[in-house]
Amino acid sequence: MEIQELTKQLKKAAPAMVYLVLGTQEVLQQEAKEAFLALIPEEERVMNVGSYDMETTPLKEALNDAMAAPFFGERRLVFLNKPAFLSGSTPRGALKQDGEALREYLKHPQPTTTLVLLAPYEKLDGRKGVVKELKKMAVSVSAAPLNEAQARHFVEERLQEDGYQLDRGAIDELVRRTNADYGKMMTAVPVIELAVYHEKVVTVEAVAGLVPQSLDENIFDLVQAVLNQQQVEAVRLYQELLRSQQSPLQINAILVSQFRLLLQIKILSGRGLSQGTMAGQLKVHPYRVKLGLQTVRRFNMEELSHAYLGLIRCERALKTTQQDPELLFQLFLLQYTKQKVS
């Protein structure tokens, strides 16, 4: 079940006794938590809502709370946060938990309690008996990172529900500036809504003026300028990054990682792998793979390799000489252009 479906369901029907919210997208975890909190009237939350960190609090203490009857209300709500004992690895220093206590609770859950396990992990350890029992008993809610299409849809839906219209291209600009990161997109939504409150229309200009480009996005523009041999534009972008207090070594390191990613995408796409499969293998957001595919279609392996190796040499010079970083970058551009021409 997706978070949006959960929110609608909780408004219409009585909640289940146990939920598992699994996934690493922090904003989705928070949205799920808020949806559950809405079940308990605000004046009752002090007495009828319990929240326990499973890395520091004994599981039995939290489950004792879950077994208690609601206090002057119809329902108790108990959150088990970061139940690392259900995953494959427990963080150093985290409290060891007895999973059998949860198994026993799942056999006879308290009918007036909604128990919610907020698990910010990619997956749980399916070999554990308690995990098997939990998956049978609990309603599963996904908080996995959204792909570009899902992020677009949910942000558009949120803006429309709030009474705002989207000009053509506005959502594209938001996606571009946030690298399709749903968390960053949702963080930008209140800022945008406040700025266009009277007009109730979200324009490309509003998004561009309110949502700063990420460092990765600025580097992406720089990569395009390098590959297209736009030397003046490349130097301008490089200078802009220096003015924003980015260190030359950091800029060069990100450039190296970008070209490494392009080479990997070029190789994997040549093997016929899909965008989603490549994103999984390379452990990057699918949107970055999408942009990478658009780029590598226009350049061959030799061109991408020349740029990558040139940046490696530039990094070595930055670490071992006192030469001006901007001059080193300009030399890299000249050498790359010369290699392409020859």
C-alpha atoms as a PDB file:
ATOM      1  CA  MET A   1       0.000   0.000   0.000  1.00  0.00           C
ATOM      2  CA  GLU A   2       1.229   3.520  -0.848  1.00  0.00           C
ATOM      3  CA  ILE A   3       1.156   6.358   1.688  1.00  0.00           C
ATOM      4  CA  GLN A   4      -1.536   8.232  -0.237  1.00  0.00           C
ATOM      5  CA  GLU A   5      -3.786   5.166  -0.219  1.00  0.00           C
ATOM      6  CA  LEU A   6      -3.153   4.715   3.506  1.00  0.00           C
ATOM      7  CA  THR A   7      -4.175   8.319   4.225  1.00  0.00           C
ATOM      8  CA  LYS A   8      -7.447   7.941   2.324  1.00  0.00           C
ATOM      9  CA  GLN A   9      -8.204   4.567   3.907  1.00  0.00           C
ATOM     10  CA  LEU A  10      -7.652   5.801   7.470  1.00  0.00           C
ATOM     11  CA  LYS A  11     -10.166   8.607   6.858  1.00  0.00           C
ATOM     12  CA  LYS A  12     -12.846   6.185   5.671  1.00  0.00           C
ATOM     13  CA  ALA A  13     -12.504   3.017   7.746  1.00  0.00           C
ATOM     14  CA  ALA A  14     -11.366   1.760  11.142  1.00  0.00           C
ATOM     15  CA  PRO A  15      -7.598   1.150  11.245  1.00  0.00           C
ATOM     16  CA  ALA A  16      -5.997  -2.273  11.435  1.00  0.00           C
ATOM     17  CA  MET A  17      -4.304  -3.382  14.634  1.00  0.00           C
ATOM     18  CA  VAL A  18      -0.759  -3.576  13.210  1.00  0.00           C
ATOM     19  CA  TYR A  19       1.023  -1.670  10.413  1.00  0.00           C
ATOM     20  CA  LEU A  20       4.538  -1.926   8.992  1.00  0.00           C
ATOM     21  CA  VAL A  21       5.863   1.196   7.241  1.00  0.00           C
ATOM     22  CA  LEU A  22       8.982   0.052   5.411  1.00  0.00           C
ATOM     23  CA  GLY A  23      11.301   2.194   3.281  1.00  0.00           C
ATOM     24  CA  THR A  24      14.087   4.748   3.376  1.00  0.00           C
ATOM     25  CA  GLN A  25      12.219   7.836   2.087  1.00  0.00           C
ATOM     26  CA  GLU A  26      12.164  10.023   5.192  1.00  0.00           C
ATOM     27  CA  VAL A  27       9.370  12.317   4.013  1.00  0.00           C
ATOM     28  CA  LEU A  28       7.100   9.315   3.344  1.00  0.00           C
ATOM     29  CA  GLN A  29       7.828   7.925   6.799  1.00  0.00           C
ATOM     30  CA  GLN A  30       6.807  11.294   8.251  1.00  0.00           C
ATOM     31  CA  GLU A  31       3.656  11.481   6.117  1.00  0.00           C
ATOM     32  CA  ALA A  32       2.640   8.031   7.349  1.00  0.00           C
ATOM     33  CA  LYS A  33       3.222   9.060  10.953  1.00  0.00           C
ATOM     34  CA  GLU A  34       1.050  12.161  10.523  1.00  0.00           C
ATOM     35  CA  ALA A  35      -1.721  10.077   8.939  1.00  0.00           C
ATOM     36  CA  PHE A  36      -1.764   7.777  11.975  1.00  0.00           C
ATOM     37  CA  LEU A  37      -1.633  10.684  14.445  1.00  0.00           C
ATOM     38  CA  ALA A  38      -4.788  12.070  12.834  1.00  0.00           C
ATOM     39  CA  LEU A  39      -6.619   9.011  14.242  1.00  0.00           C
ATOM     40  CA  ILE A  40      -6.252  10.366  17.792  1.00  0.00           C
ATOM     41  CA  PRO A  41      -7.922  13.673  18.755  1.00  0.00           C
ATOM     42  CA  GLU A  42      -5.301  16.237  19.649  1.00  0.00           C
ATOM     43  CA  GLU A  43      -6.518  16.595  23.239  1.00  0.00           C
ATOM     44  CA  GLU A  44      -6.085  12.816  23.772  1.00  0.00           C
ATOM     45  CA  ARG A  45      -2.586  12.416  22.317  1.00  0.00           C
ATOM     46  CA  VAL A  46      -0.676  13.029  25.544  1.00  0.00           C
ATOM     47  CA  MET A  47      -2.316   9.994  27.163  1.00  0.00           C
ATOM     48  CA  ASN A  48      -3.038   7.760  24.153  1.00  0.00           C
ATOM     49  CA  VAL A  49       0.000   8.078  21.878  1.00  0.00           C
ATOM     50  CA  GLY A  50       3.292   6.336  22.661  1.00  0.00           C
ATOM     51  CA  SER A  51       6.453   6.614  20.581  1.00  0.00           C
ATOM     52  CA  TYR A  52       9.468   4.411  21.294  1.00  0.00           C
ATOM     53  CA  ASP A  53      12.953   4.289  19.794  1.00  0.00           C
ATOM     54  CA  MET A  54      13.775   0.609  19.461  1.00  0.00           C
ATOM     55  CA  GLU A  55      17.507   1.318  19.466  1.00  0.00           C
ATOM     56  CA  THR A  56      17.334   2.690  23.016  1.00  0.00           C
ATOM     57  CA  THR A  57      14.076   1.452  24.595  1.00  0.00           C
ATOM     58  CA  PRO A  58      13.307  -2.153  25.621  1.00  0.00           C
ATOM     59  CA  LEU A  59      10.736  -3.708  23.296  1.00  0.00           C
ATOM     60  CA  LYS A  60       8.743  -5.113  26.232  1.00  0.00           C
ATOM     61  CA  GLU A  61       8.252  -1.594  27.606  1.00  0.00           C
ATOM     62  CA  ALA A  62       6.707  -0.448  24.320  1.00  0.00           C
ATOM     63  CA  LEU A  63       4.538  -3.561  24.030  1.00  0.00           C
ATOM     64  CA  ASN A  64       3.283  -3.111  27.599  1.00  0.00           C
ATOM     65  CA  ASP A  65       2.078   0.315  26.505  1.00  0.00           C
ATOM     66  CA  ALA A  66       0.429  -1.252  23.446  1.00  0.00           C
ATOM     67  CA  MET A  67      -1.422  -3.718  25.692  1.00  0.00           C
ATOM     68  CA  ALA A  68      -2.892  -0.965  27.866  1.00  0.00           C
ATOM     69  CA  ALA A  69      -6.459   0.212  27.379  1.00  0.00           C
ATOM     70  CA  PRO A  70      -6.994   3.724  25.973  1.00  0.00           C
ATOM     71  CA  PHE A  71      -7.297   6.466  28.592  1.00  0.00           C
ATOM     72  CA  PHE A  72     -10.575   8.400  28.176  1.00  0.00           C
ATOM     73  CA  GLY A  73     -10.617   7.664  24.463  1.00  0.00           C
ATOM     74  CA  GLU A  74     -11.468   4.989  21.916  1.00  0.00           C
ATOM     75  CA  ARG A  75      -7.980   4.048  20.723  1.00  0.00           C
ATOM     76  CA  ARG A  76      -4.306   3.960  21.641  1.00  0.00           C
ATOM     77  CA  LEU A  77      -1.577   4.539  19.055  1.00  0.00           C
ATOM     78  CA  VAL A  78       1.914   3.130  19.638  1.00  0.00           C
ATOM     79  CA  PHE A  79       4.894   3.746  17.338  1.00  0.00           C
ATOM     80  CA  LEU A  80       7.935   1.469  17.292  1.00  0.00           C
ATOM     81  CA  ASN A  81      10.609   3.608  15.634  1.00  0.00           C
ATOM     82  CA  LYS A  82      13.736   2.132  14.014  1.00  0.00           C
ATOM     83  CA  PRO A  83      13.110  -1.556  14.834  1.00  0.00           C
ATOM     84  CA  ALA A  84      16.609  -2.533  13.721  1.00  0.00           C
ATOM     85  CA  PHE A  85      16.232  -5.959  15.352  1.00  0.00           C
ATOM     86  CA  LEU A  86      13.994  -6.857  12.384  1.00  0.00           C
ATOM     87  CA  SER A  87      16.619  -5.919   9.800  1.00  0.00           C
ATOM     88  CA  GLY A  88      19.769  -7.739   8.804  1.00  0.00           C
ATOM     89  CA  SER A  89      22.076  -5.612  10.953  1.00  0.00           C
ATOM     90  CA  THR A  90      21.817  -3.744  14.246  1.00  0.00           C
ATOM     91  CA  PRO A  91      23.670  -0.412  14.633  1.00  0.00           C
ATOM     92  CA  ARG A  92      26.601  -0.367  17.015  1.00  0.00           C
ATOM     93  CA  GLY A  93      25.466   0.563  20.485  1.00  0.00           C
ATOM     94  CA  ALA A  94      21.803  -0.203  19.800  1.00  0.00           C
ATOM     95  CA  LEU A  95      19.879  -2.086  22.461  1.00  0.00           C
ATOM     96  CA  LYS A  96      19.474  -5.825  21.821  1.00  0.00           C
ATOM     97  CA  GLN A  97      15.800  -6.729  21.552  1.00  0.00           C
ATOM     98  CA  ASP A  98      13.956  -9.990  22.076  1.00  0.00           C
ATOM     99  CA  GLY A  99      11.956 -10.504  18.886  1.00  0.00           C
ATOM    100  CA  GLU A 100       9.920 -13.254  20.586  1.00  0.00           C
ATOM    101  CA  ALA A 101       8.132 -10.596  22.623  1.00  0.00           C
ATOM    102  CA  LEU A 102       6.765  -9.104  19.402  1.00  0.00           C
ATOM    103  CA  ARG A 103       5.802 -12.561  18.115  1.00  0.00           C
ATOM    104  CA  GLU A 104       3.779 -13.135  21.265  1.00  0.00           C
ATOM    105  CA  TYR A 105       2.051  -9.768  20.914  1.00  0.00           C
ATOM    106  CA  LEU A 106       1.154 -10.513  17.276  1.00  0.00           C
ATOM    107  CA  LYS A 107      -0.651 -13.689  18.379  1.00  0.00           C
ATOM    108  CA  HIS A 108      -3.054 -11.645  20.521  1.00  0.00           C
ATOM    109  CA  PRO A 109      -2.831  -7.933  19.592  1.00  0.00           C
ATOM    110  CA  GLN A 110      -4.774  -5.437  21.671  1.00  0.00           C
ATOM    111  CA  PRO A 111      -7.960  -4.614  19.661  1.00  0.00           C
ATOM    112  CA  THR A 112      -8.095  -0.995  20.856  1.00  0.00           C
ATOM    113  CA  THR A 113      -4.449  -0.294  19.964  1.00  0.00           C
ATOM    114  CA  THR A 114      -2.963   0.542  16.580  1.00  0.00           C
ATOM    115  CA  LEU A 115       0.665  -0.604  16.633  1.00  0.00           C
ATOM    116  CA  VAL A 116       2.833   1.022  13.921  1.00  0.00           C
ATOM    117  CA  LEU A 117       6.368  -0.116  13.136  1.00  0.00           C
ATOM    118  CA  LEU A 118       8.241   2.695  11.365  1.00  0.00           C
ATOM    119  CA  ALA A 119      11.128   0.841   9.698  1.00  0.00           C
ATOM    120  CA  PRO A 120      13.413   3.194   7.681  1.00  0.00           C
ATOM    121  CA  TYR A 121      15.195   0.328   5.915  1.00  0.00           C
ATOM    122  CA  GLU A 122      15.266  -1.057   2.386  1.00  0.00           C
ATOM    123  CA  LYS A 123      14.133  -4.460   3.634  1.00  0.00           C
ATOM    124  CA  LEU A 124      13.784  -6.660   6.700  1.00  0.00           C
ATOM    125  CA  ASP A 125      15.513  -9.958   7.392  1.00  0.00           C
ATOM    126  CA  GLY A 126      12.989 -12.399   5.961  1.00  0.00           C
ATOM    127  CA  ARG A 127      14.754 -15.353   7.580  1.00  0.00           C
ATOM    128  CA  LYS A 128      13.656 -14.283  11.054  1.00  0.00           C
ATOM    129  CA  GLY A 129      10.513 -15.907  12.391  1.00  0.00           C
ATOM    130  CA  VAL A 130       9.247 -12.645  13.862  1.00  0.00           C
ATOM    131  CA  VAL A 131       9.540 -10.956  10.448  1.00  0.00           C
ATOM    132  CA  LYS A 132       7.530 -13.750   8.818  1.00  0.00           C
ATOM    133  CA  GLU A 133       4.815 -13.401  11.449  1.00  0.00           C
ATOM    134  CA  LEU A 134       4.824  -9.628  11.139  1.00  0.00           C
ATOM    135  CA  LYS A 135       4.365  -9.738   7.365  1.00  0.00           C
ATOM    136  CA  LYS A 136       1.405 -12.106   7.785  1.00  0.00           C
ATOM    137  CA  MET A 137      -0.255  -9.965  10.427  1.00  0.00           C
ATOM    138  CA  ALA A 138       0.610  -6.365   9.554  1.00  0.00           C
ATOM    139  CA  VAL A 139      -0.721  -4.106   6.840  1.00  0.00           C
ATOM    140  CA  SER A 140       2.383  -3.194   4.799  1.00  0.00           C
ATOM    141  CA  VAL A 141       2.884   0.430   3.760  1.00  0.00           C
ATOM    142  CA  SER A 142       5.659   1.412   1.365  1.00  0.00           C
ATOM    143  CA  ALA A 143       7.986   4.296   2.160  1.00  0.00           C
ATOM    144  CA  ALA A 144      10.473   3.316  -0.550  1.00  0.00           C
ATOM    145  CA  PRO A 145      11.957   6.159  -2.635  1.00  0.00           C
ATOM    146  CA  LEU A 146       9.596   7.208  -5.410  1.00  0.00           C
ATOM    147  CA  ASN A 147      10.537   7.178  -9.063  1.00  0.00           C
ATOM    148  CA  GLU A 148      10.185  10.319 -11.162  1.00  0.00           C
ATOM    149  CA  ALA A 149       6.668   9.556 -12.404  1.00  0.00           C
ATOM    150  CA  GLN A 150       5.385   8.842  -8.880  1.00  0.00           C
ATOM    151  CA  ALA A 151       7.045  11.953  -7.448  1.00  0.00           C
ATOM    152  CA  ARG A 152       5.532  14.121 -10.191  1.00  0.00           C
ATOM    153  CA  HIS A 153       2.073  12.642  -9.661  1.00  0.00           C
ATOM    154  CA  PHE A 154       2.021  13.044  -5.886  1.00  0.00           C
ATOM    155  CA  VAL A 155       3.384  16.600  -5.945  1.00  0.00           C
ATOM    156  CA  GLU A 156       0.889  17.610  -8.627  1.00  0.00           C
ATOM    157  CA  GLU A 157      -1.891  15.987  -6.592  1.00  0.00           C
ATOM    158  CA  ARG A 158      -0.818  17.840  -3.438  1.00  0.00           C
ATOM    159  CA  LEU A 159      -0.776  21.218  -5.225  1.00  0.00           C
ATOM    160  CA  GLN A 160      -4.173  20.599  -6.808  1.00  0.00           C
ATOM    161  CA  GLU A 161      -5.682  19.528  -3.483  1.00  0.00           C
ATOM    162  CA  ASP A 162      -4.375  22.783  -2.006  1.00  0.00           C
ATOM    163  CA  GLY A 163      -6.149  24.739  -4.770  1.00  0.00           C
ATOM    164  CA  TYR A 164      -3.168  25.584  -7.013  1.00  0.00           C
ATOM    165  CA  GLN A 165      -2.817  25.286 -10.785  1.00  0.00           C
ATOM    166  CA  LEU A 166       0.399  24.332 -12.552  1.00  0.00           C
ATOM    167  CA  ASP A 167       1.581  26.211 -15.626  1.00  0.00           C
ATOM    168  CA  ARG A 168       3.059  24.117 -18.397  1.00  0.00           C
ATOM    169  CA  GLY A 169       6.658  23.243 -17.595  1.00  0.00           C
ATOM    170  CA  ALA A 170       6.476  24.190 -13.893  1.00  0.00           C
ATOM    171  CA  ILE A 171       6.614  20.609 -12.618  1.00  0.00           C
ATOM    172  CA  ASP A 172       9.432  19.863 -15.110  1.00  0.00           C
ATOM    173  CA  GLU A 173      11.462  22.719 -13.629  1.00  0.00           C
ATOM    174  CA  LEU A 174      10.826  21.462 -10.105  1.00  0.00           C
ATOM    175  CA  VAL A 175      11.905  17.940 -11.085  1.00  0.00           C
ATOM    176  CA  ARG A 176      15.050  19.281 -12.757  1.00  0.00           C
ATOM    177  CA  ARG A 177      16.059  21.434  -9.799  1.00  0.00           C
ATOM    178  CA  THR A 178      15.537  18.686  -7.225  1.00  0.00           C
ATOM    179  CA  ASN A 179      16.788  15.718  -9.287  1.00  0.00           C
ATOM    180  CA  ALA A 180      13.276  14.249  -8.894  1.00  0.00           C
ATOM    181  CA  ASP A 181      13.895  13.765  -5.163  1.00  0.00           C
ATOM    182  CA  TYR A 182      10.411  13.570  -3.636  1.00  0.00           C
ATOM    183  CA  GLY A 183      11.620  14.814  -0.262  1.00  0.00           C
ATOM    184  CA  LYS A 184      13.177  17.937  -1.779  1.00  0.00           C
ATOM    185  CA  MET A 185      10.128  18.503  -3.973  1.00  0.00           C
ATOM    186  CA  MET A 186       7.752  18.359  -1.009  1.00  0.00           C
ATOM    187  CA  THR A 187      10.009  20.654   1.013  1.00  0.00           C
ATOM    188  CA  ALA A 188       9.715  23.217  -1.806  1.00  0.00           C
ATOM    189  CA  VAL A 189       5.915  22.991  -2.071  1.00  0.00           C
ATOM    190  CA  PRO A 190       5.012  25.206   0.975  1.00  0.00           C
ATOM    191  CA  VAL A 191       7.542  27.836  -0.145  1.00  0.00           C
ATOM    192  CA  ILE A 192       6.089  27.928  -3.651  1.00  0.00           C
ATOM    193  CA  GLU A 193       2.492  27.975  -2.397  1.00  0.00           C
ATOM    194  CA  LEU A 194       3.214  30.914  -0.098  1.00  0.00           C
ATOM    195  CA  ALA A 195       4.874  32.898  -2.905  1.00  0.00           C
ATOM    196  CA  VAL A 196       1.963  32.457  -5.350  1.00  0.00           C
ATOM    197  CA  TYR A 197      -0.802  32.462  -2.731  1.00  0.00           C
ATOM    198  CA  HIS A 198      -2.849  35.233  -4.344  1.00  0.00           C
ATOM    199  CA  GLU A 199      -2.549  34.066  -7.957  1.00  0.00           C
ATOM    200  CA  LYS A 200      -2.863  30.340  -7.093  1.00  0.00           C
ATOM    201  CA  VAL A 201      -0.832  29.565 -10.234  1.00  0.00           C
ATOM    202  CA  VAL A 202       2.607  27.916 -10.078  1.00  0.00           C
ATOM    203  CA  THR A 203       4.766  29.157 -12.956  1.00  0.00           C
ATOM    204  CA  VAL A 204       8.154  28.084 -14.272  1.00  0.00           C
ATOM    205  CA  GLU A 205       9.514  31.465 -13.211  1.00  0.00           C
ATOM    206  CA  ALA A 206       8.235  31.017  -9.660  1.00  0.00           C
ATOM    207  CA  VAL A 207       9.889  27.608  -9.350  1.00  0.00           C
ATOM    208  CA  ALA A 208      13.154  28.857 -10.858  1.00  0.00           C
ATOM    209  CA  GLY A 209      13.220  31.831  -8.499  1.00  0.00           C
ATOM    210  CA  LEU A 210      12.366  29.918  -5.341  1.00  0.00           C
ATOM    211  CA  VAL A 211      14.022  26.502  -5.684  1.00  0.00           C
ATOM    212  CA  PRO A 212      17.823  26.590  -5.857  1.00  0.00           C
ATOM    213  CA  GLN A 213      19.599  24.155  -8.136  1.00  0.00           C
ATOM    214  CA  SER A 214      21.375  21.354  -6.337  1.00  0.00           C
ATOM    215  CA  LEU A 215      25.152  21.017  -6.646  1.00  0.00           C
ATOM    216  CA  ASP A 216      24.601  17.895  -8.751  1.00  0.00           C
ATOM    217  CA  GLU A 217      22.370  19.851 -11.121  1.00  0.00           C
ATOM    218  CA  ASN A 218      24.964  22.623 -11.488  1.00  0.00           C
ATOM    219  CA  ILE A 219      27.604  19.982 -12.168  1.00  0.00           C
ATOM    220  CA  PHE A 220      25.272  18.351 -14.713  1.00  0.00           C
ATOM    221  CA  ASP A 221      25.112  21.661 -16.618  1.00  0.00           C
ATOM    222  CA  LEU A 222      28.900  21.841 -16.465  1.00  0.00           C
ATOM    223  CA  VAL A 223      29.227  18.283 -17.820  1.00  0.00           C
ATOM    224  CA  GLN A 224      26.998  19.187 -20.762  1.00  0.00           C
ATOM    225  CA  ALA A 225      29.068  22.285 -21.514  1.00  0.00           C
ATOM    226  CA  VAL A 226      32.292  20.222 -21.446  1.00  0.00           C
ATOM    227  CA  LEU A 227      30.930  17.525 -23.744  1.00  0.00           C
ATOM    228  CA  ASN A 228      29.498  20.077 -26.170  1.00  0.00           C
ATOM    229  CA  GLN A 229      32.849  21.931 -26.244  1.00  0.00           C
ATOM    230  CA  GLN A 230      31.221  25.135 -24.980  1.00  0.00           C
ATOM    231  CA  GLN A 231      34.409  26.377 -23.369  1.00  0.00           C
ATOM    232  CA  VAL A 232      33.204  29.864 -22.428  1.00  0.00           C
ATOM    233  CA  GLU A 233      30.047  28.477 -20.803  1.00  0.00           C
ATOM    234  CA  ALA A 234      32.035  25.732 -19.040  1.00  0.00           C
ATOM    235  CA  VAL A 235      34.466  28.263 -17.532  1.00  0.00           C
ATOM    236  CA  ARG A 236      31.566  30.505 -16.473  1.00  0.00           C
ATOM    237  CA  LEU A 237      29.842  27.608 -14.691  1.00  0.00           C
ATOM    238  CA  TYR A 238      33.115  26.557 -13.058  1.00  0.00           C
ATOM    239  CA  GLN A 239      33.678  30.103 -11.778  1.00  0.00           C
ATOM    240  CA  GLU A 240      30.108  30.185 -10.472  1.00  0.00           C
ATOM    241  CA  LEU A 241      30.732  27.033  -8.473  1.00  0.00           C
ATOM    242  CA  LEU A 242      33.917  28.530  -7.017  1.00  0.00           C
ATOM    243  CA  ARG A 243      31.996  31.667  -6.016  1.00  0.00           C
ATOM    244  CA  SER A 244      29.439  29.486  -4.199  1.00  0.00           C
ATOM    245  CA  GLN A 245      32.271  28.330  -1.901  1.00  0.00           C
ATOM    246  CA  GLN A 246      32.707  24.889  -3.515  1.00  0.00           C
ATOM    247  CA  SER A 247      36.316  23.744  -3.286  1.00  0.00           C
ATOM    248  CA  PRO A 248      38.148  22.927  -6.550  1.00  0.00           C
ATOM    249  CA  LEU A 249      38.819  19.389  -5.334  1.00  0.00           C
ATOM    250  CA  GLN A 250      35.152  18.833  -4.533  1.00  0.00           C
ATOM    251  CA  ILE A 251      34.052  20.177  -7.926  1.00  0.00           C
ATOM    252  CA  ASN A 252      36.568  17.971  -9.698  1.00  0.00           C
ATOM    253  CA  ALA A 253      35.602  14.924  -7.627  1.00  0.00           C
ATOM    254  CA  ILE A 254      31.925  15.320  -8.536  1.00  0.00           C
ATOM    255  CA  LEU A 255      32.839  15.817 -12.195  1.00  0.00           C
ATOM    256  CA  VAL A 256      34.859  12.592 -12.087  1.00  0.00           C
ATOM    257  CA  SER A 257      31.927  10.734 -10.502  1.00  0.00           C
ATOM    258  CA  GLN A 258      29.531  12.118 -13.124  1.00  0.00           C
ATOM    259  CA  PHE A 259      31.702  10.990 -16.026  1.00  0.00           C
ATOM    260  CA  ARG A 260      32.257   7.601 -14.346  1.00  0.00           C
ATOM    261  CA  LEU A 261      28.470   7.243 -14.137  1.00  0.00           C
ATOM    262  CA  LEU A 262      28.101   8.176 -17.816  1.00  0.00           C
ATOM    263  CA  LEU A 263      30.663   5.523 -18.787  1.00  0.00           C
ATOM    264  CA  GLN A 264      28.844   2.920 -16.685  1.00  0.00           C
ATOM    265  CA  ILE A 265      25.494   3.843 -18.238  1.00  0.00           C
ATOM    266  CA  LYS A 266      27.011   3.699 -21.721  1.00  0.00           C
ATOM    267  CA  ILE A 267      28.341   0.188 -21.071  1.00  0.00           C
ATOM    268  CA  LEU A 268      25.179  -1.132 -19.413  1.00  0.00           C
ATOM    269  CA  SER A 269      22.831   0.376 -22.006  1.00  0.00           C
ATOM    270  CA  GLY A 270      24.933  -1.350 -24.675  1.00  0.00           C
ATOM    271  CA  ARG A 271      24.092  -4.626 -22.948  1.00  0.00           C
ATOM    272  CA  GLY A 272      20.390  -3.896 -23.249  1.00  0.00           C
ATOM    273  CA  LEU A 273      19.662  -3.224 -19.580  1.00  0.00           C
ATOM    274  CA  SER A 274      16.565  -1.193 -18.716  1.00  0.00           C
ATOM    275  CA  GLN A 275      16.665   2.163 -16.935  1.00  0.00           C
ATOM    276  CA  GLY A 276      15.299   0.649 -13.722  1.00  0.00           C
ATOM    277  CA  THR A 277      17.756  -2.246 -13.760  1.00  0.00           C
ATOM    278  CA  MET A 278      20.682   0.140 -14.290  1.00  0.00           C
ATOM    279  CA  ALA A 279      19.521   2.346 -11.418  1.00  0.00           C
ATOM    280  CA  GLY A 280      19.423  -0.713  -9.158  1.00  0.00           C
ATOM    281  CA  GLN A 281      22.840  -1.976 -10.176  1.00  0.00           C
ATOM    282  CA  LEU A 282      24.499   1.452  -9.968  1.00  0.00           C
ATOM    283  CA  LYS A 283      22.589   2.373  -6.776  1.00  0.00           C
ATOM    284  CA  VAL A 284      21.568   5.804  -8.063  1.00  0.00           C
ATOM    285  CA  HIS A 285      18.207   7.525  -8.461  1.00  0.00           C
ATOM    286  CA  PRO A 286      16.425   6.469 -11.684  1.00  0.00           C
ATOM    287  CA  TYR A 287      16.187  10.129 -12.708  1.00  0.00           C
ATOM    288  CA  ARG A 288      19.969  10.371 -12.869  1.00  0.00           C
ATOM    289  CA  VAL A 289      20.040   7.312 -15.110  1.00  0.00           C
ATOM    290  CA  LYS A 290      17.363   8.875 -17.319  1.00  0.00           C
ATOM    291  CA  LEU A 291      19.447  12.042 -17.754  1.00  0.00           C
ATOM    292  CA  GLY A 292      22.580   9.947 -18.291  1.00  0.00           C
ATOM    293  CA  LEU A 293      20.916   7.926 -21.067  1.00  0.00           C
ATOM    294  CA  GLN A 294      19.903  11.126 -22.825  1.00  0.00           C
ATOM    295  CA  THR A 295      23.540  12.249 -22.723  1.00  0.00           C
ATOM    296  CA  VAL A 296      25.390   9.065 -23.675  1.00  0.00           C
ATOM    297  CA  ARG A 297      23.286   8.583 -26.803  1.00  0.00           C
ATOM    298  CA  ARG A 298      25.083  11.600 -28.278  1.00  0.00           C
ATOM    299  CA  PHE A 299      28.648  10.614 -27.383  1.00  0.00           C
ATOM    300  CA  ASN A 300      30.832   7.566 -27.922  1.00  0.00           C
ATOM    301  CA  MET A 301      32.971   5.704 -25.393  1.00  0.00           C
ATOM    302  CA  GLU A 302      36.171   7.361 -26.589  1.00  0.00           C
ATOM    303  CA  GLU A 303      34.816  10.863 -25.986  1.00  0.00           C
ATOM    304  CA  LEU A 304      33.544  10.001 -22.518  1.00  0.00           C
ATOM    305  CA  SER A 305      36.800   8.224 -21.633  1.00  0.00           C
ATOM    306  CA  HIS A 306      38.926  11.202 -22.744  1.00  0.00           C
ATOM    307  CA  ALA A 307      36.957  13.509 -20.447  1.00  0.00           C
ATOM    308  CA  TYR A 308      37.115  11.076 -17.523  1.00  0.00           C
ATOM    309  CA  LEU A 309      40.876  10.507 -17.806  1.00  0.00           C
ATOM    310  CA  GLY A 310      41.501  14.241 -18.279  1.00  0.00           C
ATOM    311  CA  LEU A 311      39.685  14.964 -15.028  1.00  0.00           C
ATOM    312  CA  ILE A 312      41.690  12.266 -13.238  1.00  0.00           C
ATOM    313  CA  ARG A 313      44.885  14.022 -14.374  1.00  0.00           C
ATOM    314  CA  CYS A 314      43.402  17.341 -13.260  1.00  0.00           C
ATOM    315  CA  GLU A 315      42.678  15.880  -9.809  1.00  0.00           C
ATOM    316  CA  ARG A 316      46.257  14.655  -9.510  1.00  0.00           C
ATOM    317  CA  ALA A 317      47.546  18.134 -10.376  1.00  0.00           C
ATOM    318  CA  LEU A 318      45.223  19.758  -7.843  1.00  0.00           C
ATOM    319  CA  LYS A 319      46.608  17.497  -5.117  1.00  0.00           C
ATOM    320  CA  THR A 320      50.298  17.668  -6.023  1.00  0.00           C
ATOM    321  CA  THR A 321      50.919  21.159  -7.411  1.00  0.00           C
ATOM    322  CA  GLN A 322      50.196  24.755  -6.473  1.00  0.00           C
ATOM    323  CA  GLN A 323      48.814  25.655  -9.902  1.00  0.00           C
ATOM    324  CA  ASP A 324      45.702  27.811 -10.101  1.00  0.00           C
ATOM    325  CA  PRO A 325      42.610  25.502 -10.116  1.00  0.00           C
ATOM    326  CA  GLU A 326      40.804  27.579 -12.724  1.00  0.00           C
ATOM    327  CA  LEU A 327      43.844  27.457 -15.012  1.00  0.00           C
ATOM    328  CA  LEU A 328      44.044  23.676 -14.589  1.00  0.00           C
ATOM    329  CA  PHE A 329      40.376  23.384 -15.556  1.00  0.00           C
ATOM    330  CA  GLN A 330      40.921  25.544 -18.642  1.00  0.00           C
ATOM    331  CA  LEU A 331      43.893  23.353 -19.641  1.00  0.00           C
ATOM    332  CA  PHE A 332      41.688  20.296 -19.250  1.00  0.00           C
ATOM    333  CA  LEU A 333      39.096  21.863 -21.557  1.00  0.00           C
ATOM    334  CA  LEU A 334      41.713  22.703 -24.209  1.00  0.00           C
ATOM    335  CA  GLN A 335      43.219  19.198 -24.101  1.00  0.00           C
ATOM    336  CA  TYR A 336      39.787  17.575 -24.292  1.00  0.00           C
ATOM    337  CA  THR A 337      38.738  19.716 -27.244  1.00  0.00           C
ATOM    338  CA  LYS A 338      42.040  18.997 -29.033  1.00  0.00           C
ATOM    339  CA  GLN A 339      41.582  15.236 -28.545  1.00  0.00           C
ATOM    340  CA  LYS A 340      38.051  15.393 -29.936  1.00  0.00           C
ATOM    341  CA  VAL A 341      39.177  17.338 -33.000  1.00  0.00           C
ATOM    342  CA  SER A 342      42.044  14.935 -33.675  1.00  0.00           C
END
